[in-house]
PDB file of N, CA and C in Angstrom:
ATOM      1  N   MET A   1     203.531 259.246 -26.019  1.00  0.00           N
ATOM      2  CA  MET A   1     202.736 258.293 -25.276  1.00  0.00           C
ATOM      3  C   MET A   1     202.472 257.074 -26.172  1.00  0.00           C
ATOM      4  N   MET A   2     202.573 255.905 -25.585  1.00  0.00           N
ATOM      5  CA  MET A   2     202.405 254.651 -26.302  1.00  0.00           C
ATOM      6  C   MET A   2     200.929 254.339 -26.509  1.00  0.00           C
ATOM      7  N   SER A   3     200.557 253.883 -27.691  1.00  0.00           N
ATOM      8  CA  SER A   3     199.153 253.567 -27.941  1.00  0.00           C
ATOM      9  C   SER A   3     198.871 252.061 -27.889  1.00  0.00           C
ATOM     10  N   ARG A   4     199.868 251.223 -28.169  1.00  0.00           N
ATOM     11  CA  ARG A   4     199.670 249.776 -28.143  1.00  0.00           C
ATOM     12  C   ARG A   4     200.808 249.107 -27.411  1.00  0.00           C
ATOM     13  N   ILE A   5     200.441 248.115 -26.630  1.00  0.00           N
ATOM     14  CA  ILE A   5     201.433 247.319 -25.923  1.00  0.00           C
ATOM     15  C   ILE A   5     201.180 245.866 -26.270  1.00  0.00           C
ATOM     16  N   SER A   6     202.219 245.162 -26.699  1.00  0.00           N
ATOM     17  CA  SER A   6     202.108 243.754 -27.075  1.00  0.00           C
ATOM     18  C   SER A   6     202.369 242.861 -25.875  1.00  0.00           C
ATOM     19  N   LEU A   7     201.694 241.733 -25.842  1.00  0.00           N
ATOM     20  CA  LEU A   7     201.849 240.757 -24.773  1.00  0.00           C
ATOM     21  C   LEU A   7     202.981 239.790 -25.098  1.00  0.00           C
ATOM     22  N   ARG A   8     203.855 239.567 -24.114  1.00  0.00           N
ATOM     23  CA  ARG A   8     204.911 238.564 -24.264  1.00  0.00           C
ATOM     24  C   ARG A   8     204.922 237.715 -22.991  1.00  0.00           C
ATOM     25  N   ARG A   9     204.591 236.447 -23.136  1.00  0.00           N
ATOM     26  CA  ARG A   9     204.602 235.529 -21.998  1.00  0.00           C
ATOM     27  C   ARG A   9     206.034 235.052 -21.772  1.00  0.00           C
ATOM     28  N   VAL A  10     206.478 235.113 -20.519  1.00  0.00           N
ATOM     29  CA  VAL A  10     207.845 234.742 -20.164  1.00  0.00           C
ATOM     30  C   VAL A  10     207.819 233.881 -18.905  1.00  0.00           C
ATOM     31  N   HIS A  11     208.896 233.159 -18.682  1.00  0.00           N
ATOM     32  CA  HIS A  11     209.049 232.417 -17.434  1.00  0.00           C
ATOM     33  C   HIS A  11     209.561 233.381 -16.365  1.00  0.00           C
ATOM     34  N   TYR A  12     210.658 234.076 -16.669  1.00  0.00           N
ATOM     35  CA  TYR A  12     211.248 235.078 -15.786  1.00  0.00           C
ATOM     36  C   TYR A  12     211.164 236.439 -16.463  1.00  0.00           C
ATOM     37  N   MET A  13     211.054 237.481 -15.666  1.00  0.00           N
ATOM     38  CA  MET A  13     211.102 238.839 -16.198  1.00  0.00           C
ATOM     39  C   MET A  13     212.506 239.091 -16.746  1.00  0.00           C
ATOM     40  N   PRO A  14     212.608 239.672 -17.936  1.00  0.00           N
ATOM     41  CA  PRO A  14     213.943 239.996 -18.455  1.00  0.00           C
ATOM     42  C   PRO A  14     214.567 241.128 -17.647  1.00  0.00           C
ATOM     43  N   ARG A  15     215.865 241.185 -17.666  1.00  0.00           N
ATOM     44  CA  ARG A  15     216.571 242.265 -16.960  1.00  0.00           C
ATOM     45  C   ARG A  15     216.267 243.614 -17.589  1.00  0.00           C
ATOM     46  N   ASP A  16     216.290 243.647 -18.917  1.00  0.00           N
ATOM     47  CA  ASP A  16     216.005 244.872 -19.662  1.00  0.00           C
ATOM     48  C   ASP A  16     214.673 244.712 -20.371  1.00  0.00           C
ATOM     49  N   PHE A  17     213.784 245.667 -20.165  1.00  0.00           N
ATOM     50  CA  PHE A  17     212.482 245.650 -20.827  1.00  0.00           C
ATOM     51  C   PHE A  17     212.566 246.400 -22.147  1.00  0.00           C
ATOM     52  N   GLU A  18     211.775 245.951 -23.119  1.00  0.00           N
ATOM     53  CA  GLU A  18     211.636 246.656 -24.393  1.00  0.00           C
ATOM     54  C   GLU A  18     210.396 247.536 -24.331  1.00  0.00           C
ATOM     55  N   THR A  19     210.464 248.676 -24.986  1.00  0.00           N
ATOM     56  CA  THR A  19     209.312 249.567 -25.081  1.00  0.00           C
ATOM     57  C   THR A  19     208.171 248.863 -25.803  1.00  0.00           C
ATOM     58  N   GLY A  20     206.964 249.014 -25.286  1.00  0.00           N
ATOM     59  CA  GLY A  20     205.783 248.487 -25.958  1.00  0.00           C
ATOM     60  C   GLY A  20     205.482 247.020 -25.684  1.00  0.00           C
ATOM     61  N   ILE A  21     206.156 246.414 -24.697  1.00  0.00           N
ATOM     62  CA  ILE A  21     205.935 244.999 -24.384  1.00  0.00           C
ATOM     63  C   ILE A  21     205.427 244.871 -22.950  1.00  0.00           C
ATOM     64  N   LEU A  22     204.341 244.113 -22.766  1.00  0.00           N
ATOM     65  CA  LEU A  22     203.872 243.727 -21.443  1.00  0.00           C
ATOM     66  C   LEU A  22     204.352 242.303 -21.220  1.00  0.00           C
ATOM     67  N   TYR A  23     205.295 242.132 -20.312  1.00  0.00           N
ATOM     68  CA  TYR A  23     205.840 240.817 -19.989  1.00  0.00           C
ATOM     69  C   TYR A  23     204.966 240.207 -18.898  1.00  0.00           C
ATOM     70  N   VAL A  24     204.573 238.946 -19.084  1.00  0.00           N
ATOM     71  CA  VAL A  24     203.728 238.279 -18.103  1.00  0.00           C
ATOM     72  C   VAL A  24     204.314 236.914 -17.773  1.00  0.00           C
ATOM     73  N   SER A  25     204.571 236.703 -16.484  1.00  0.00           N
ATOM     74  CA  SER A  25     204.962 235.396 -15.983  1.00  0.00           C
ATOM     75  C   SER A  25     203.799 234.870 -15.152  1.00  0.00           C
ATOM     76  N   GLU A  26     203.007 233.998 -15.747  1.00  0.00           N
ATOM     77  CA  GLU A  26     201.872 233.445 -15.016  1.00  0.00           C
ATOM     78  C   GLU A  26     202.350 232.517 -13.905  1.00  0.00           C
ATOM     79  N   GLU A  27     203.463 231.841 -14.131  1.00  0.00           N
ATOM     80  CA  GLU A  27     204.007 230.944 -13.118  1.00  0.00           C
ATOM     81  C   GLU A  27     204.345 231.698 -11.833  1.00  0.00           C
ATOM     82  N   TYR A  28     204.887 232.897 -11.960  1.00  0.00           N
ATOM     83  CA  TYR A  28     205.270 233.692 -10.801  1.00  0.00           C
ATOM     84  C   TYR A  28     204.250 234.779 -10.458  1.00  0.00           C
ATOM     85  N   GLY A  29     203.167 234.863 -11.218  1.00  0.00           N
ATOM     86  CA  GLY A  29     202.094 235.802 -10.908  1.00  0.00           C
ATOM     87  C   GLY A  29     202.498 237.258 -10.945  1.00  0.00           C
ATOM     88  N   VAL A  30     203.169 237.645 -12.038  1.00  0.00           N
ATOM     89  CA  VAL A  30     203.640 239.023 -12.140  1.00  0.00           C
ATOM     90  C   VAL A  30     203.633 239.484 -13.601  1.00  0.00           C
ATOM     91  N   ALA A  31     203.384 240.782 -13.758  1.00  0.00           N
ATOM     92  CA  ALA A  31     203.467 241.413 -15.080  1.00  0.00           C
ATOM     93  C   ALA A  31     204.417 242.593 -14.965  1.00  0.00           C
ATOM     94  N   GLY A  32     205.075 242.940 -16.050  1.00  0.00           N
ATOM     95  CA  GLY A  32     205.991 244.065 -16.035  1.00  0.00           C
ATOM     96  C   GLY A  32     206.036 244.751 -17.387  1.00  0.00           C
ATOM     97  N   HIS A  33     206.219 246.065 -17.365  1.00  0.00           N
ATOM     98  CA  HIS A  33     206.347 246.839 -18.601  1.00  0.00           C
ATOM     99  C   HIS A  33     207.047 248.149 -18.297  1.00  0.00           C
ATOM    100  N   LEU A  34     207.505 248.806 -19.337  1.00  0.00           N
ATOM    101  CA  LEU A  34     208.035 250.161 -19.190  1.00  0.00           C
ATOM    102  C   LEU A  34     206.861 251.131 -19.189  1.00  0.00           C
ATOM    103  N   CYS A  35     206.964 252.173 -18.391  1.00  0.00           N
ATOM    104  CA  CYS A  35     205.899 253.163 -18.323  1.00  0.00           C
ATOM    105  C   CYS A  35     205.589 253.673 -19.735  1.00  0.00           C
ATOM    106  N   PRO A  36     204.310 253.656 -20.126  1.00  0.00           N
ATOM    107  CA  PRO A  36     203.958 254.075 -21.487  1.00  0.00           C
ATOM    108  C   PRO A  36     204.150 255.563 -21.769  1.00  0.00           C
ATOM    109  N   CYS A  37     204.410 256.378 -20.739  1.00  0.00           N
ATOM    110  CA  CYS A  37     204.616 257.811 -20.997  1.00  0.00           C
ATOM    111  C   CYS A  37     205.973 258.068 -21.642  1.00  0.00           C
ATOM    112  N   GLY A  38     206.879 257.062 -21.550  1.00  0.00           N
ATOM    113  CA  GLY A  38     208.199 257.219 -22.148  1.00  0.00           C
ATOM    114  C   GLY A  38     209.283 257.606 -21.158  1.00  0.00           C
ATOM    115  N   CYS A  39     208.950 257.691 -19.859  1.00  0.00           N
ATOM    116  CA  CYS A  39     209.954 258.102 -18.864  1.00  0.00           C
ATOM    117  C   CYS A  39     210.984 257.004 -18.589  1.00  0.00           C
ATOM    118  N   GLY A  40     210.696 255.749 -18.989  1.00  0.00           N
ATOM    119  CA  GLY A  40     211.646 254.650 -18.826  1.00  0.00           C
ATOM    120  C   GLY A  40     211.525 253.881 -17.524  1.00  0.00           C
ATOM    121  N   SER A  41     210.596 254.262 -16.646  1.00  0.00           N
ATOM    122  CA  SER A  41     210.418 253.547 -15.381  1.00  0.00           C
ATOM    123  C   SER A  41     209.841 252.155 -15.624  1.00  0.00           C
ATOM    124  N   LYS A  42     210.357 251.165 -14.884  1.00  0.00           N
ATOM    125  CA  LYS A  42     209.814 249.809 -14.932  1.00  0.00           C
ATOM    126  C   LYS A  42     208.616 249.727 -13.997  1.00  0.00           C
ATOM    127  N   ILE A  43     207.535 249.168 -14.495  1.00  0.00           N
ATOM    128  CA  ILE A  43     206.326 248.989 -13.700  1.00  0.00           C
ATOM    129  C   ILE A  43     206.130 247.489 -13.504  1.00  0.00           C
ATOM    130  N   ILE A  44     206.094 247.054 -12.251  1.00  0.00           N
ATOM    131  CA  ILE A  44     205.887 245.640 -11.918  1.00  0.00           C
ATOM    132  C   ILE A  44     204.543 245.535 -11.214  1.00  0.00           C
ATOM    133  N   THR A  45     203.707 244.630 -11.702  1.00  0.00           N
ATOM    134  CA  THR A  45     202.355 244.489 -11.194  1.00  0.00           C
ATOM    135  C   THR A  45     202.099 243.047 -10.773  1.00  0.00           C
ATOM    136  N   PRO A  46     201.714 242.817  -9.501  1.00  0.00           N
ATOM    137  CA  PRO A  46     201.387 241.454  -9.070  1.00  0.00           C
ATOM    138  C   PRO A  46     200.046 241.014  -9.669  1.00  0.00           C
ATOM    139  N   LEU A  47     199.981 239.759 -10.059  1.00  0.00           N
ATOM    140  CA  LEU A  47     198.748 239.197 -10.614  1.00  0.00           C
ATOM    141  C   LEU A  47     198.167 238.188  -9.636  1.00  0.00           C
ATOM    142  N   GLY A  48     196.870 238.170  -9.515  1.00  0.00           N
ATOM    143  CA  GLY A  48     196.236 237.195  -8.637  1.00  0.00           C
ATOM    144  C   GLY A  48     194.841 237.654  -8.249  1.00  0.00           C
ATOM    145  N   ALA A  49     194.145 236.789  -7.536  1.00  0.00           N
ATOM    146  CA  ALA A  49     192.757 237.051  -7.172  1.00  0.00           C
ATOM    147  C   ALA A  49     192.584 238.320  -6.340  1.00  0.00           C
ATOM    148  N   THR A  50     193.568 238.666  -5.512  1.00  0.00           N
ATOM    149  CA  THR A  50     193.463 239.872  -4.685  1.00  0.00           C
ATOM    150  C   THR A  50     194.311 241.021  -5.214  1.00  0.00           C
ATOM    151  N   ASP A  51     194.927 240.842  -6.377  1.00  0.00           N
ATOM    152  CA  ASP A  51     195.774 241.874  -6.991  1.00  0.00           C
ATOM    153  C   ASP A  51     195.151 242.274  -8.321  1.00  0.00           C
ATOM    154  N   TRP A  52     195.943 242.322  -9.377  1.00  0.00           N
ATOM    155  CA  TRP A  52     195.445 242.641 -10.713  1.00  0.00           C
ATOM    156  C   TRP A  52     195.153 241.350 -11.463  1.00  0.00           C
ATOM    157  N   THR A  53     194.262 241.426 -12.424  1.00  0.00           N
ATOM    158  CA  THR A  53     193.976 240.286 -13.278  1.00  0.00           C
ATOM    159  C   THR A  53     194.318 240.645 -14.721  1.00  0.00           C
ATOM    160  N   LEU A  54     194.767 239.647 -15.438  1.00  0.00           N
ATOM    161  CA  LEU A  54     195.118 239.798 -16.843  1.00  0.00           C
ATOM    162  C   LEU A  54     194.039 239.125 -17.670  1.00  0.00           C
ATOM    163  N   THR A  55     193.526 239.845 -18.649  1.00  0.00           N
ATOM    164  CA  THR A  55     192.622 239.246 -19.619  1.00  0.00           C
ATOM    165  C   THR A  55     193.243 239.442 -21.001  1.00  0.00           C
ATOM    166  N   GLU A  56     192.969 238.480 -21.868  1.00  0.00           N
ATOM    167  CA  GLU A  56     193.478 238.553 -23.244  1.00  0.00           C
ATOM    168  C   GLU A  56     192.329 238.253 -24.191  1.00  0.00           C
ATOM    169  N   ILE A  57     192.072 239.181 -25.097  1.00  0.00           N
ATOM    170  CA  ILE A  57     191.017 239.023 -26.095  1.00  0.00           C
ATOM    171  C   ILE A  57     191.614 239.371 -27.448  1.00  0.00           C
ATOM    172  N   ASN A  58     191.543 238.420 -28.366  1.00  0.00           N
ATOM    173  CA  ASN A  58     192.067 238.614 -29.726  1.00  0.00           C
ATOM    174  C   ASN A  58     193.511 239.091 -29.727  1.00  0.00           C
ATOM    175  N   GLY A  59     194.326 238.519 -28.835  1.00  0.00           N
ATOM    176  CA  GLY A  59     195.741 238.854 -28.789  1.00  0.00           C
ATOM    177  C   GLY A  59     196.080 240.153 -28.088  1.00  0.00           C
ATOM    178  N   ARG A  60     195.078 240.830 -27.546  1.00  0.00           N
ATOM    179  CA  ARG A  60     195.309 242.088 -26.825  1.00  0.00           C
ATOM    180  C   ARG A  60     195.118 241.858 -25.335  1.00  0.00           C
ATOM    181  N   ALA A  61     196.041 242.359 -24.559  1.00  0.00           N
ATOM    182  CA  ALA A  61     196.025 242.142 -23.115  1.00  0.00           C
ATOM    183  C   ALA A  61     195.520 243.382 -22.386  1.00  0.00           C
ATOM    184  N   SER A  62     194.896 243.130 -21.229  1.00  0.00           N
ATOM    185  CA  SER A  62     194.436 244.216 -20.383  1.00  0.00           C
ATOM    186  C   SER A  62     194.617 243.812 -18.930  1.00  0.00           C
ATOM    187  N   LEU A  63     195.077 244.756 -18.113  1.00  0.00           N
ATOM    188  CA  LEU A  63     195.191 244.542 -16.674  1.00  0.00           C
ATOM    189  C   LEU A  63     194.053 245.294 -15.992  1.00  0.00           C
ATOM    190  N   LYS A  64     193.430 244.620 -15.030  1.00  0.00           N
ATOM    191  CA  LYS A  64     192.346 245.255 -14.272  1.00  0.00           C
ATOM    192  C   LYS A  64     192.594 245.045 -12.801  1.00  0.00           C
ATOM    193  N   PRO A  65     192.379 246.044 -11.948  1.00  0.00           N
ATOM    194  CA  PRO A  65     192.003 247.406 -12.331  1.00  0.00           C
ATOM    195  C   PRO A  65     193.134 248.101 -13.071  1.00  0.00           C
ATOM    196  N   SER A  66     192.886 249.295 -13.552  1.00  0.00           N
ATOM    197  CA  SER A  66     193.928 250.017 -14.285  1.00  0.00           C
ATOM    198  C   SER A  66     195.117 250.262 -13.354  1.00  0.00           C
ATOM    199  N   VAL A  67     196.262 250.468 -13.958  1.00  0.00           N
ATOM    200  CA  VAL A  67     197.508 250.612 -13.200  1.00  0.00           C
ATOM    201  C   VAL A  67     197.838 252.091 -13.059  1.00  0.00           C
ATOM    202  N   GLY A  68     197.840 252.562 -11.814  1.00  0.00           N
ATOM    203  CA  GLY A  68     198.244 253.934 -11.529  1.00  0.00           C
ATOM    204  C   GLY A  68     199.650 253.910 -10.945  1.00  0.00           C
ATOM    205  N   ASN A  69     200.531 254.712 -11.467  1.00  0.00           N
ATOM    206  CA  ASN A  69     201.935 254.718 -11.061  1.00  0.00           C
ATOM    207  C   ASN A  69     202.236 255.941 -10.204  1.00  0.00           C
ATOM    208  N   TRP A  70     201.641 255.991  -9.038  1.00  0.00           N
ATOM    209  CA  TRP A  70     201.738 257.184  -8.198  1.00  0.00           C
ATOM    210  C   TRP A  70     203.107 257.330  -7.541  1.00  0.00           C
ATOM    211  N   GLN A  71     203.916 256.259  -7.489  1.00  0.00           N
ATOM    212  CA  GLN A  71     205.215 256.335  -6.828  1.00  0.00           C
ATOM    213  C   GLN A  71     206.350 256.790  -7.751  1.00  0.00           C
ATOM    214  N   ILE A  72     206.095 256.905  -9.040  1.00  0.00           N
ATOM    215  CA  ILE A  72     207.142 257.351  -9.956  1.00  0.00           C
ATOM    216  C   ILE A  72     206.894 258.813 -10.319  1.00  0.00           C
ATOM    217  N   PRO A  73     207.938 259.545 -10.703  1.00  0.00           N
ATOM    218  CA  PRO A  73     207.802 260.997 -10.924  1.00  0.00           C
ATOM    219  C   PRO A  73     206.709 261.419 -11.915  1.00  0.00           C
ATOM    220  N   CYS A  74     206.478 260.634 -12.978  1.00  0.00           N
ATOM    221  CA  CYS A  74     205.501 261.046 -13.989  1.00  0.00           C
ATOM    222  C   CYS A  74     204.057 260.844 -13.538  1.00  0.00           C
ATOM    223  N   LYS A  75     203.834 259.965 -12.552  1.00  0.00           N
ATOM    224  CA  LYS A  75     202.499 259.640 -12.029  1.00  0.00           C
ATOM    225  C   LYS A  75     201.543 259.221 -13.140  1.00  0.00           C
ATOM    226  N   SER A  76     202.072 258.490 -14.119  1.00  0.00           N
ATOM    227  CA  SER A  76     201.276 258.033 -15.256  1.00  0.00           C
ATOM    228  C   SER A  76     200.165 257.088 -14.797  1.00  0.00           C
ATOM    229  N   HIS A  77     199.079 257.058 -15.549  1.00  0.00           N
ATOM    230  CA  HIS A  77     197.953 256.180 -15.242  1.00  0.00           C
ATOM    231  C   HIS A  77     197.481 255.515 -16.510  1.00  0.00           C
TER     232      HIS A  77
END
């Protein structure tokens, strides 16, 4: 299980995600990362006033509310 995820601001989501990176495209209002459990599933999260919000404090990012992945086999949260 991953303990830290680094923030990487991008214009477009990359085709291949790296482990431990939260990709954020503020222009397109979306965040993406690999599931932290290690199963390799891509998690795409919409950002916006009625979706999830991204906060950054001291270089650390957080999505609120928390992201539950109920549609993937691992059901990671």
